[in-house]
Amino acid sequence: MTENHLASHDELDAIDTQVVKEIDDAYAFAQNSPEPDLSVAFEDIWVD
């Protein structure tokens, strides 16, 4: 991408930083969320 001037190294670094932050935020949300009730464990599962 940098060779074709589609993005600079700084832009790619900023994207990488944002992606890592989003992943870290999602992981923290999952770790801090309560476990779902087992009674709903098999809801919304579709099989063809």
N, C-alpha and C. Protein backbone atom coordinates (compact mmCIF):
# COMPACT_ATOMS: atom_id res chain seq x y z
N MET A 1 0.82 -1.18 0.00
CA MET A 1 0.00 0.00 0.00
C MET A 1 0.87 1.26 0.00
N THR A 2 1.97 1.17 0.70
CA THR A 2 2.84 2.35 0.73
C THR A 2 3.56 2.53 -0.61
N GLU A 3 3.90 1.42 -1.26
CA GLU A 3 4.58 1.51 -2.55
C GLU A 3 3.70 2.15 -3.61
N ASN A 4 2.40 1.91 -3.53
CA ASN A 4 1.46 2.48 -4.50
C ASN A 4 0.86 3.80 -4.02
N HIS A 5 1.39 4.32 -2.92
CA HIS A 5 0.96 5.61 -2.36
C HIS A 5 -0.52 5.62 -1.99
N LEU A 6 -1.01 4.47 -1.54
CA LEU A 6 -2.40 4.38 -1.09
C LEU A 6 -2.52 4.75 0.39
N ALA A 7 -1.44 4.57 1.13
CA ALA A 7 -1.42 4.91 2.55
C ALA A 7 0.03 5.10 2.97
N SER A 8 0.21 5.99 3.93
CA SER A 8 1.56 6.22 4.46
C SER A 8 1.81 5.27 5.63
N HIS A 9 3.06 5.17 6.03
CA HIS A 9 3.39 4.35 7.19
C HIS A 9 2.66 4.86 8.44
N ASP A 10 2.57 6.17 8.57
CA ASP A 10 1.86 6.75 9.72
C ASP A 10 0.39 6.38 9.71
N GLU A 11 -0.24 6.40 8.53
CA GLU A 11 -1.65 6.02 8.44
C GLU A 11 -1.86 4.55 8.79
N LEU A 12 -0.97 3.70 8.32
CA LEU A 12 -1.07 2.28 8.64
C LEU A 12 -0.83 2.03 10.12
N ASP A 13 0.10 2.76 10.71
CA ASP A 13 0.33 2.64 12.15
C ASP A 13 -0.90 3.07 12.94
N ALA A 14 -1.56 4.14 12.49
CA ALA A 14 -2.77 4.62 13.17
C ALA A 14 -3.89 3.59 13.07
N ILE A 15 -4.02 2.96 11.91
CA ILE A 15 -5.03 1.91 11.74
C ILE A 15 -4.72 0.75 12.66
N ASP A 16 -3.47 0.34 12.71
CA ASP A 16 -3.06 -0.77 13.58
C ASP A 16 -3.35 -0.45 15.04
N THR A 17 -3.04 0.76 15.46
CA THR A 17 -3.31 1.17 16.84
C THR A 17 -4.79 1.12 17.14
N GLN A 18 -5.62 1.59 16.22
CA GLN A 18 -7.07 1.58 16.42
C GLN A 18 -7.61 0.15 16.48
N VAL A 19 -7.11 -0.72 15.63
CA VAL A 19 -7.56 -2.12 15.63
C VAL A 19 -7.21 -2.79 16.95
N VAL A 20 -6.00 -2.59 17.42
CA VAL A 20 -5.57 -3.18 18.69
C VAL A 20 -6.45 -2.65 19.82
N LYS A 21 -6.77 -1.36 19.81
CA LYS A 21 -7.64 -0.78 20.84
C LYS A 21 -9.03 -1.40 20.80
N GLU A 22 -9.58 -1.57 19.61
CA GLU A 22 -10.92 -2.16 19.49
C GLU A 22 -10.92 -3.60 20.00
N ILE A 23 -9.88 -4.35 19.69
CA ILE A 23 -9.78 -5.73 20.17
C ILE A 23 -9.64 -5.76 21.68
N ASP A 24 -8.79 -4.90 22.22
CA ASP A 24 -8.61 -4.83 23.68
C ASP A 24 -9.92 -4.45 24.38
N ASP A 25 -10.65 -3.49 23.80
CA ASP A 25 -11.93 -3.08 24.38
C ASP A 25 -12.94 -4.22 24.34
N ALA A 26 -13.00 -4.95 23.23
CA ALA A 26 -13.93 -6.07 23.11
C ALA A 26 -13.57 -7.17 24.10
N TYR A 27 -12.28 -7.43 24.26
CA TYR A 27 -11.83 -8.45 25.21
C TYR A 27 -12.21 -8.05 26.64
N ALA A 28 -11.97 -6.80 26.99
CA ALA A 28 -12.31 -6.32 28.34
C ALA A 28 -13.81 -6.40 28.57
N PHE A 29 -14.61 -6.05 27.57
CA PHE A 29 -16.06 -6.14 27.69
C PHE A 29 -16.48 -7.58 27.94
N ALA A 30 -15.91 -8.51 27.19
CA ALA A 30 -16.26 -9.93 27.36
C ALA A 30 -15.84 -10.44 28.74
N GLN A 31 -14.68 -10.05 29.19
CA GLN A 31 -14.20 -10.51 30.49
C GLN A 31 -15.02 -9.94 31.64
N ASN A 32 -15.55 -8.73 31.47
CA ASN A 32 -16.30 -8.07 32.54
C ASN A 32 -17.80 -8.30 32.46
N SER A 33 -18.25 -9.00 31.44
CA SER A 33 -19.69 -9.27 31.29
C SER A 33 -20.05 -10.55 32.03
N PRO A 34 -21.26 -10.61 32.55
CA PRO A 34 -21.68 -11.84 33.22
C PRO A 34 -21.87 -12.98 32.21
N GLU A 35 -21.69 -14.19 32.70
CA GLU A 35 -21.93 -15.36 31.86
C GLU A 35 -23.41 -15.42 31.52
N PRO A 36 -23.75 -15.81 30.30
CA PRO A 36 -25.18 -15.93 29.97
C PRO A 36 -25.80 -17.09 30.73
N ASP A 37 -27.09 -16.96 30.97
CA ASP A 37 -27.83 -18.02 31.65
C ASP A 37 -27.86 -19.25 30.75
N LEU A 38 -27.64 -20.42 31.32
CA LEU A 38 -27.62 -21.65 30.53
C LEU A 38 -28.95 -21.95 29.85
N SER A 39 -30.04 -21.39 30.37
CA SER A 39 -31.34 -21.65 29.77
C SER A 39 -31.45 -21.04 28.37
N VAL A 40 -30.58 -20.10 28.03
CA VAL A 40 -30.63 -19.48 26.71
C VAL A 40 -29.44 -19.90 25.84
N ALA A 41 -28.69 -20.88 26.29
CA ALA A 41 -27.46 -21.27 25.60
C ALA A 41 -27.71 -21.74 24.17
N PHE A 42 -28.85 -22.37 23.92
CA PHE A 42 -29.10 -22.92 22.60
C PHE A 42 -30.16 -22.15 21.82
N GLU A 43 -30.46 -20.93 22.24
CA GLU A 43 -31.38 -20.09 21.49
C GLU A 43 -30.68 -19.48 20.29
N ASP A 44 -31.44 -19.22 19.26
CA ASP A 44 -30.95 -18.57 18.04
C ASP A 44 -29.87 -19.36 17.33
N ILE A 45 -29.93 -20.68 17.43
CA ILE A 45 -29.02 -21.56 16.70
C ILE A 45 -29.82 -22.18 15.57
N TRP A 46 -29.35 -22.00 14.36
CA TRP A 46 -30.06 -22.49 13.19
C TRP A 46 -29.23 -23.55 12.49
N VAL A 47 -29.89 -24.59 12.03
CA VAL A 47 -29.23 -25.66 11.29
C VAL A 47 -30.03 -25.92 10.03
N ASP A 48 -29.34 -26.00 8.91
CA ASP A 48 -30.02 -26.33 7.65
C ASP A 48 -29.96 -27.81 7.39
